[in-house]
Amino acid sequence: MQSPRKPKFLLWLPQLNPQVWILSFGRFLSGIGSGFTLFYAPIFFVNQVGLSATSVGVALGSASISGILGRILSGSFSDSQFWGRRRTLLLSAAVSAIASFVLATTSSFTTLVIGNLLAGLGQGLYWPATEAVVADVTSSEQRGEAYAITRLSDNLGLGLGIVFGGVLIGTTNAYRALFVIDAISFVVFFGVIYIAIKETYQPIKTSRKNTRLENSWITALSDRRLLVYILVNVIFTTYISQLQSTLPLYFKNFVSVGESHKGFTETTISVLFGWHIALAIFCQLPVARALKRFSHPQILTISALIWAVGFSLVWVTGVTLSGTIAWATLALGVLAIAIVTYTPSASSLVTDLASESQRGVYLSINSLCWAVGYFIGPPLGGWALDQNHWVVTSFWLGLALSVVIPIGILQYLNRILHIKKA
């Protein structure tokens, strides 16, 4: 008896371990909650709470301080026999839920910093562990598409959260409710991990656990290929941070729309970023498959060029007197392609550099780049928005021109990777 044929859309999806799909579903749920707050937090704390753009940028950037600690702990915990990947993910979800509840009650700079420090710790604990789970249950050939699937789940959740968040704000102006919903989403994510995610780490038996762990960090930090990659990855993550911390406030307060010459409304911003996320969702897998024939440094170079185009279009959006919404739509579309080109290849590159027993540490270092990028990005963007209009608009053009730096580093990385293979 023949088994029933699968629908064509299921055949198009990559054939991956069920753990990847379960984890992706959990990330989708938590992504919805994050989408409720991600792009509206700067607007709320500046325009509603009354803090300056610089102080909000500093507070958002403070999450990277605790994020660094979280990523270091996550790398060590993920590669330890006691914690492993699963318990680290559970701890991350619990800390993130507490952080969202703190932010829901924030009315001062101090509590905003506390909430962001907790949020940074939760995110720091999350990324190395979740990417290690994906690496554990996939082959090197599957890994690019597996990371693309998990990123797709993140983006799909974020997109829905952004749209629903914009509707909620537009109808009720209840910004604080967004953070409560975010907290609930992390509680649900905790439940998914607890019930459905199995431990994937297979520890190497040794009587000298601490020595082996210390050697893992020393080995990773002695890997010249990884150190070169760190430089370029910090720049990429600084770029990404601008989309989440600086660009929403820029669209709200600094672009000129119509005869009123006021910025975009919160509803318009939610639609724009919803479009950005939607395009990322639809392009994630096709882009990953289309770029399979290129090396990881080549793919990241392509991403850098796309970032330059996207930032240039943001600059045009700020200086144009007509068609502002069209330029903003085009800019966010291009930046969506830049992100989906970057993220799967970056994670796959780091995983390929690491041995199985060191994946947690290597991915922890990769995730630390995000912490550093988000430490630099929000304060830098906040400072730029507190300057005169010429500096504010030129900031985006400066970001576009800066891509020559990561492109140069990537050419060097490509050479040393070929030398290592030879």
Protein backbone atom coordinates (compact mmCIF):
# COMPACT_ATOMS: atom_id res chain seq x y z
CA MET A 1 0.00 0.00 0.00
CA GLN A 2 1.45 3.35 -1.06
CA SER A 3 1.79 6.11 1.51
CA PRO A 4 -0.18 9.29 0.77
CA ARG A 5 1.69 11.88 -1.21
CA LYS A 6 2.71 15.01 0.67
CA PRO A 7 1.36 18.37 -0.51
CA LYS A 8 3.77 20.21 -2.81
CA PHE A 9 4.40 23.03 -0.33
CA LEU A 10 5.60 20.46 2.24
CA LEU A 11 7.95 18.91 -0.30
CA TRP A 12 9.41 22.37 -0.92
CA LEU A 13 10.32 22.72 2.76
CA PRO A 14 13.69 21.30 3.86
CA GLN A 15 13.63 17.88 5.54
CA LEU A 16 14.87 18.69 9.04
CA ASN A 17 14.90 17.09 12.49
CA PRO A 18 11.55 17.61 14.31
CA GLN A 19 13.41 19.43 17.10
CA VAL A 20 14.17 22.25 14.65
CA TRP A 21 10.47 22.65 13.82
CA ILE A 22 9.42 22.57 17.49
CA LEU A 23 12.05 25.15 18.41
CA SER A 24 10.97 27.28 15.44
CA PHE A 25 7.36 27.21 16.66
CA GLY A 26 8.45 28.38 20.11
CA ARG A 27 10.53 31.14 18.56
CA PHE A 28 7.50 32.17 16.49
CA LEU A 29 5.42 32.59 19.66
CA SER A 30 8.07 34.59 21.50
CA GLY A 31 8.68 36.61 18.34
CA ILE A 32 5.08 37.81 18.40
CA GLY A 33 5.61 39.24 21.89
CA SER A 34 8.92 40.84 20.91
CA GLY A 35 7.29 42.41 17.86
CA PHE A 36 4.81 44.15 20.14
CA THR A 37 7.63 46.11 21.80
CA LEU A 38 10.68 46.09 19.53
CA PHE A 39 9.92 49.08 17.32
CA TYR A 40 7.62 50.97 19.68
CA ALA A 41 9.79 51.10 22.81
CA PRO A 42 11.92 54.10 21.67
CA ILE A 43 8.80 56.04 20.63
CA PHE A 44 7.05 55.27 23.94
CA PHE A 45 9.93 56.16 26.22
CA VAL A 46 10.76 59.39 24.35
CA ASN A 47 7.31 60.71 23.42
CA GLN A 48 5.18 59.28 26.25
CA VAL A 49 7.47 58.86 29.27
CA GLY A 50 9.42 62.01 28.39
CA LEU A 51 13.02 60.77 28.33
CA SER A 52 15.55 62.19 25.86
CA ALA A 53 16.54 60.23 22.76
CA THR A 54 20.10 60.00 24.07
CA SER A 55 19.06 58.60 27.48
CA VAL A 56 16.74 56.07 25.82
CA GLY A 57 19.55 55.06 23.49
CA VAL A 58 21.88 54.61 26.47
CA ALA A 59 19.25 52.55 28.32
CA LEU A 60 18.62 50.35 25.30
CA GLY A 61 22.35 49.97 24.83
CA SER A 62 22.75 48.91 28.47
CA ALA A 63 21.07 45.63 27.56
CA SER A 64 24.27 44.75 25.77
CA ILE A 65 26.26 44.98 29.00
CA SER A 66 24.25 42.21 30.66
CA GLY A 67 23.94 40.58 27.24
CA ILE A 68 27.69 40.05 27.21
CA LEU A 69 27.48 38.25 30.57
CA GLY A 70 24.49 36.24 29.36
CA ARG A 71 26.27 35.11 26.20
CA ILE A 72 29.39 34.07 28.10
CA LEU A 73 27.28 32.10 30.58
CA SER A 74 25.21 30.59 27.78
CA GLY A 75 28.27 29.34 25.94
CA SER A 76 29.65 27.76 29.10
CA PHE A 77 26.28 26.42 30.27
CA SER A 78 25.44 24.96 26.84
CA ASP A 79 28.69 22.99 26.77
CA SER A 80 28.40 21.81 30.39
CA GLN A 81 27.14 18.41 31.53
CA PHE A 82 24.89 19.87 34.23
CA TRP A 83 23.14 22.67 32.30
CA GLY A 84 23.21 21.76 28.63
CA ARG A 85 21.19 23.53 25.91
CA ARG A 86 17.68 22.88 27.28
CA ARG A 87 18.13 24.22 30.82
CA THR A 88 19.92 27.28 29.44
CA LEU A 89 16.93 28.00 27.18
CA LEU A 90 14.53 27.62 30.12
CA LEU A 91 16.57 30.09 32.19
CA SER A 92 16.60 32.52 29.28
CA ALA A 93 12.81 32.44 28.88
CA ALA A 94 12.25 33.00 32.62
CA VAL A 95 14.62 35.99 32.82
CA SER A 96 13.12 37.54 29.65
CA ALA A 97 9.59 37.27 31.07
CA ILE A 98 10.65 39.07 34.27
CA ALA A 99 12.36 41.79 32.19
CA SER A 100 9.19 42.48 30.20
CA PHE A 101 7.12 42.81 33.37
CA VAL A 102 9.67 45.34 34.73
CA LEU A 103 9.53 47.37 31.50
CA ALA A 104 5.72 47.37 31.68
CA THR A 105 5.97 49.37 34.93
CA THR A 106 8.84 51.66 33.88
CA SER A 107 8.39 55.40 34.41
CA SER A 108 12.00 56.55 34.96
CA PHE A 109 15.45 56.19 33.46
CA THR A 110 16.58 53.96 36.36
CA THR A 111 13.85 51.34 35.95
CA LEU A 112 14.28 51.51 32.17
CA VAL A 113 17.94 50.56 32.62
CA ILE A 114 17.06 47.76 35.07
CA GLY A 115 14.48 46.34 32.67
CA ASN A 116 16.91 46.47 29.76
CA LEU A 117 19.70 44.86 31.80
CA LEU A 118 17.38 41.93 32.54
CA ALA A 119 16.23 41.79 28.92
CA GLY A 120 19.83 41.75 27.74
CA LEU A 121 20.67 38.92 30.12
CA GLY A 122 17.73 36.87 28.87
CA GLN A 123 18.64 37.43 25.23
CA GLY A 124 22.28 36.69 25.95
CA LEU A 125 21.40 33.35 27.50
CA TYR A 126 19.11 32.52 24.58
CA TRP A 127 21.11 32.88 21.36
CA PRO A 128 24.13 30.59 21.81
CA ALA A 129 21.94 27.84 23.29
CA THR A 130 19.27 27.93 20.58
CA GLU A 131 21.79 28.01 17.74
CA ALA A 132 23.70 25.14 19.36
CA VAL A 133 20.50 23.05 19.39
CA VAL A 134 20.04 23.65 15.65
CA ALA A 135 23.70 22.77 14.98
CA ASP A 136 23.43 19.57 17.06
CA VAL A 137 20.53 18.09 15.07
CA THR A 138 21.54 19.09 11.52
CA SER A 139 24.31 18.21 9.08
CA SER A 140 26.57 20.87 7.59
CA GLU A 141 24.62 20.63 4.31
CA GLN A 142 21.29 21.26 6.10
CA ARG A 143 22.52 23.94 8.45
CA GLY A 144 22.06 27.00 6.25
CA GLU A 145 18.42 26.15 5.57
CA ALA A 146 17.83 25.13 9.20
CA TYR A 147 19.04 28.52 10.42
CA ALA A 148 16.95 30.13 7.69
CA ILE A 149 13.85 28.31 9.01
CA THR A 150 14.43 29.46 12.59
CA ARG A 151 15.05 33.02 11.43
CA LEU A 152 11.90 32.80 9.32
CA SER A 153 9.96 31.86 12.46
CA ASP A 154 11.48 34.82 14.32
CA ASN A 155 10.55 37.17 11.49
CA LEU A 156 7.04 35.79 11.09
CA GLY A 157 6.38 36.26 14.81
CA LEU A 158 7.92 39.73 14.77
CA GLY A 159 5.84 40.72 11.76
CA LEU A 160 2.58 39.69 13.36
CA GLY A 161 3.59 41.35 16.62
CA ILE A 162 4.44 44.62 14.88
CA VAL A 163 1.14 44.73 13.01
CA PHE A 164 -0.99 43.81 16.04
CA GLY A 165 1.04 46.18 18.21
CA GLY A 166 0.40 49.04 15.80
CA VAL A 167 -3.32 48.27 15.80
CA LEU A 168 -3.39 48.15 19.61
CA ILE A 169 -1.56 51.45 19.94
CA GLY A 170 -3.64 53.10 17.24
CA THR A 171 -6.91 52.14 18.93
CA THR A 172 -6.03 52.30 22.64
CA ASN A 173 -2.67 54.10 22.94
CA ALA A 174 -1.90 51.45 25.62
CA TYR A 175 1.85 51.18 25.17
CA ARG A 176 2.38 49.43 28.51
CA ALA A 177 0.09 46.58 27.49
CA LEU A 178 2.60 45.71 24.79
CA PHE A 179 5.21 44.79 27.40
CA VAL A 180 2.72 42.66 29.34
CA ILE A 181 1.92 40.72 26.15
CA ASP A 182 5.65 40.32 25.54
CA ALA A 183 6.07 38.84 29.03
CA ILE A 184 3.23 36.37 28.45
CA SER A 185 4.82 35.24 25.18
CA PHE A 186 8.02 34.33 27.02
CA VAL A 187 6.03 32.35 29.58
CA VAL A 188 4.45 30.39 26.71
CA PHE A 189 7.89 29.88 25.14
CA PHE A 190 9.11 28.50 28.49
CA GLY A 191 6.27 25.97 28.36
CA VAL A 192 7.13 24.88 24.81
CA ILE A 193 10.77 24.29 25.77
CA TYR A 194 9.86 22.45 28.96
CA ILE A 195 7.38 20.12 27.28
CA ALA A 196 8.77 19.55 23.79
CA ILE A 197 12.51 20.28 23.58
CA LYS A 198 14.92 17.47 24.44
CA GLU A 199 18.53 17.92 25.51
CA THR A 200 20.72 17.66 22.39
CA TYR A 201 24.18 18.03 23.92
CA GLN A 202 26.29 14.87 24.20
CA PRO A 203 29.09 15.72 26.63
CA ILE A 204 32.56 14.29 26.33
CA LYS A 205 33.33 12.33 29.50
CA THR A 206 36.31 13.79 31.30
CA SER A 207 37.47 14.12 34.88
CA ARG A 208 38.73 17.63 34.28
CA LYS A 209 35.57 19.51 33.30
CA ASN A 210 36.73 22.99 34.27
CA THR A 211 40.07 22.62 32.49
CA ARG A 212 38.31 21.46 29.30
CA LEU A 213 35.91 24.40 29.47
CA GLU A 214 38.70 26.90 29.96
CA ASN A 215 40.61 25.34 27.07
CA SER A 216 37.52 25.69 24.86
CA TRP A 217 37.51 29.46 25.37
CA ILE A 218 41.28 29.69 24.91
CA THR A 219 41.11 27.64 21.71
CA ALA A 220 38.27 29.73 20.32
CA LEU A 221 39.96 33.04 21.12
CA SER A 222 43.17 31.75 19.51
CA ASP A 223 41.39 30.93 16.24
CA ARG A 224 42.51 33.66 13.83
CA ARG A 225 39.62 32.93 11.47
CA LEU A 226 37.09 33.53 14.26
CA LEU A 227 38.84 36.70 15.45
CA VAL A 228 38.75 38.20 11.95
CA TYR A 229 35.10 37.27 11.62
CA ILE A 230 34.32 38.96 14.96
CA LEU A 231 35.42 42.34 13.57
CA VAL A 232 33.06 42.21 10.62
CA ASN A 233 30.19 40.72 12.64
CA VAL A 234 30.25 43.58 15.16
CA ILE A 235 29.78 46.01 12.27
CA PHE A 236 26.86 44.03 10.84
CA THR A 237 25.11 43.85 14.21
CA THR A 238 25.61 47.58 14.71
CA TYR A 239 23.79 48.06 11.40
CA ILE A 240 20.91 45.82 12.51
CA SER A 241 20.57 47.69 15.80
CA GLN A 242 19.88 50.91 13.90
CA LEU A 243 16.74 49.40 12.38
CA GLN A 244 15.29 48.58 15.79
CA SER A 245 16.46 51.46 17.99
CA THR A 246 17.04 54.47 15.71
CA LEU A 247 15.01 54.14 12.52
CA PRO A 248 11.49 54.03 14.11
CA LEU A 249 12.14 57.26 16.03
CA TYR A 250 13.72 58.81 12.93
CA PHE A 251 10.61 58.03 10.89
CA LYS A 252 8.39 59.43 13.64
CA ASN A 253 10.21 62.69 14.38
CA PHE A 254 12.46 63.62 11.45
CA VAL A 255 10.95 62.75 8.07
CA SER A 256 8.67 65.21 6.31
CA VAL A 257 5.31 63.80 5.23
CA GLY A 258 2.71 65.72 3.20
CA GLU A 259 1.69 69.31 3.81
CA SER A 260 1.94 68.96 7.59
CA HIS A 261 5.66 68.10 7.29
CA LYS A 262 5.24 65.84 10.31
CA GLY A 263 6.70 62.35 10.56
CA PHE A 264 4.93 59.05 10.03
CA THR A 265 2.20 58.02 12.47
CA GLU A 266 2.65 54.94 14.67
CA THR A 267 0.19 53.08 12.43
CA THR A 268 2.22 53.92 9.32
CA ILE A 269 5.43 52.86 11.04
CA SER A 270 3.84 49.54 11.99
CA VAL A 271 2.79 48.98 8.37
CA LEU A 272 6.28 49.88 7.10
CA PHE A 273 8.05 47.51 9.47
CA GLY A 274 5.36 44.90 8.90
CA TRP A 275 6.25 45.09 5.20
CA HIS A 276 9.95 44.83 6.13
CA ILE A 277 9.36 41.68 8.16
CA ALA A 278 6.95 40.18 5.61
CA LEU A 279 9.50 40.52 2.84
CA ALA A 280 12.15 38.94 5.08
CA ILE A 281 9.79 36.02 5.70
CA PHE A 282 9.10 35.38 2.01
CA CYS A 283 12.72 35.81 0.97
CA GLN A 284 14.47 33.90 3.77
CA LEU A 285 14.45 30.41 2.25
CA PRO A 286 14.73 31.44 -1.44
CA VAL A 287 17.72 33.67 -0.67
CA ALA A 288 19.42 30.94 1.40
CA ARG A 289 18.99 28.45 -1.45
CA ALA A 290 20.03 30.90 -4.17
CA LEU A 291 23.30 31.72 -2.38
CA LYS A 292 24.29 28.11 -1.57
CA ARG A 293 26.95 28.06 -4.29
CA PHE A 294 28.86 30.98 -2.73
CA SER A 295 31.26 30.82 0.21
CA HIS A 296 30.17 32.41 3.48
CA PRO A 297 32.51 35.45 3.13
CA GLN A 298 31.17 36.02 -0.38
CA ILE A 299 27.58 35.91 0.87
CA LEU A 300 28.40 38.38 3.65
CA THR A 301 30.05 40.68 1.10
CA ILE A 302 26.84 40.65 -0.94
CA SER A 303 24.94 41.50 2.25
CA ALA A 304 27.25 44.46 2.94
CA LEU A 305 26.58 45.90 -0.52
CA ILE A 306 22.83 45.55 0.03
CA TRP A 307 23.15 47.32 3.41
CA ALA A 308 24.83 50.25 1.62
CA VAL A 309 21.92 50.53 -0.82
CA GLY A 310 19.36 50.31 2.00
CA PHE A 311 20.97 53.01 4.15
CA SER A 312 21.30 55.25 1.08
CA LEU A 313 17.55 54.91 0.52
CA VAL A 314 16.88 55.86 4.17
CA TRP A 315 18.98 58.99 3.54
CA VAL A 316 16.87 59.77 0.44
CA THR A 317 13.71 59.30 2.54
CA GLY A 318 14.89 61.98 4.96
CA VAL A 319 15.87 64.58 2.36
CA THR A 320 13.10 64.15 -0.20
CA LEU A 321 10.06 66.43 -0.23
CA SER A 322 7.74 64.08 -2.12
CA GLY A 323 7.08 60.36 -2.26
CA THR A 324 8.41 59.88 1.27
CA ILE A 325 6.33 56.79 1.97
CA ALA A 326 7.50 55.17 -1.28
CA TRP A 327 11.18 55.77 -0.48
CA ALA A 328 10.70 54.45 3.07
CA THR A 329 8.97 51.34 1.73
CA LEU A 330 11.78 50.72 -0.75
CA ALA A 331 14.45 51.31 1.91
CA LEU A 332 12.95 48.82 4.35
CA GLY A 333 12.48 46.29 1.56
CA VAL A 334 16.16 46.45 0.62
CA LEU A 335 17.22 46.28 4.28
CA ALA A 336 15.07 43.15 4.72
CA ILE A 337 17.06 41.46 1.93
CA ALA A 338 20.30 42.59 3.59
CA ILE A 339 19.32 40.90 6.86
CA VAL A 340 18.16 37.58 5.37
CA THR A 341 21.37 37.44 3.33
CA TYR A 342 23.45 37.92 6.47
CA THR A 343 21.93 35.90 9.33
CA PRO A 344 21.96 32.23 8.15
CA SER A 345 25.41 32.50 6.60
CA ALA A 346 26.90 34.15 9.68
CA SER A 347 25.69 31.39 12.03
CA SER A 348 26.67 28.63 9.60
CA LEU A 349 30.17 30.06 9.22
CA VAL A 350 30.80 30.02 12.97
CA THR A 351 29.36 26.51 13.34
CA ASP A 352 31.68 25.25 10.58
CA LEU A 353 34.69 26.71 12.41
CA ALA A 354 33.89 24.92 15.69
CA SER A 355 34.27 21.31 16.73
CA GLU A 356 31.17 19.60 18.17
CA SER A 357 32.44 19.92 21.75
CA GLN A 358 33.05 23.68 21.32
CA ARG A 359 29.88 24.77 19.51
CA GLY A 360 28.41 26.47 22.57
CA VAL A 361 31.55 28.54 23.13
CA TYR A 362 32.00 29.48 19.47
CA LEU A 363 28.34 30.43 19.10
CA SER A 364 28.60 32.34 22.38
CA ILE A 365 31.41 34.43 20.89
CA ASN A 366 29.33 34.91 17.74
CA SER A 367 26.43 36.09 19.88
CA LEU A 368 28.74 38.42 21.83
CA CYS A 369 29.20 40.32 18.58
CA TRP A 370 25.48 41.12 18.75
CA ALA A 371 25.89 42.38 22.30
CA VAL A 372 28.76 44.66 21.25
CA GLY A 373 26.89 45.85 18.16
CA TYR A 374 23.80 46.66 20.22
CA PHE A 375 25.99 48.38 22.81
CA ILE A 376 27.43 50.66 20.11
CA GLY A 377 24.36 51.11 17.90
CA PRO A 378 21.57 52.56 20.11
CA PRO A 379 23.71 55.21 21.87
CA LEU A 380 25.29 56.16 18.54
CA GLY A 381 21.90 56.47 16.87
CA GLY A 382 20.42 58.32 19.86
CA TRP A 383 23.30 60.79 19.82
CA ALA A 384 22.82 61.41 16.09
CA LEU A 385 19.08 62.08 16.54
CA ASP A 386 19.83 64.70 19.22
CA GLN A 387 21.98 66.73 16.77
CA ASN A 388 20.93 69.21 14.07
CA HIS A 389 18.96 68.09 11.04
CA TRP A 390 22.01 67.91 8.76
CA VAL A 391 23.77 65.47 11.10
CA VAL A 392 20.58 63.40 11.51
CA THR A 393 20.11 62.89 7.78
CA SER A 394 23.83 62.50 6.98
CA PHE A 395 24.09 59.77 9.61
CA TRP A 396 22.44 57.29 7.23
CA LEU A 397 24.71 58.24 4.36
CA GLY A 398 27.70 57.72 6.64
CA LEU A 399 26.46 54.22 7.47
CA ALA A 400 26.16 53.48 3.76
CA LEU A 401 29.74 54.55 3.10
CA SER A 402 31.06 52.58 6.07
CA VAL A 403 30.42 49.22 4.36
CA VAL A 404 33.84 49.46 2.69
CA ILE A 405 35.29 48.39 6.07
CA PRO A 406 33.48 45.03 6.42
CA ILE A 407 33.96 44.30 2.71
CA GLY A 408 37.73 44.71 3.10
CA ILE A 409 37.79 42.47 6.18
CA LEU A 410 35.70 39.81 4.42
CA GLN A 411 38.15 39.62 1.49
CA TYR A 412 40.94 38.89 3.98
CA LEU A 413 38.80 36.30 5.78
CA ASN A 414 38.05 34.55 2.51
CA ARG A 415 41.78 34.25 1.81
CA ILE A 416 42.70 32.76 5.19
CA LEU A 417 39.80 30.29 5.00
CA HIS A 418 41.11 29.04 1.64
CA ILE A 419 44.64 28.78 3.07
CA LYS A 420 43.31 26.71 5.99
CA LYS A 421 41.50 24.32 3.64
CA ALA A 422 44.58 23.94 1.44
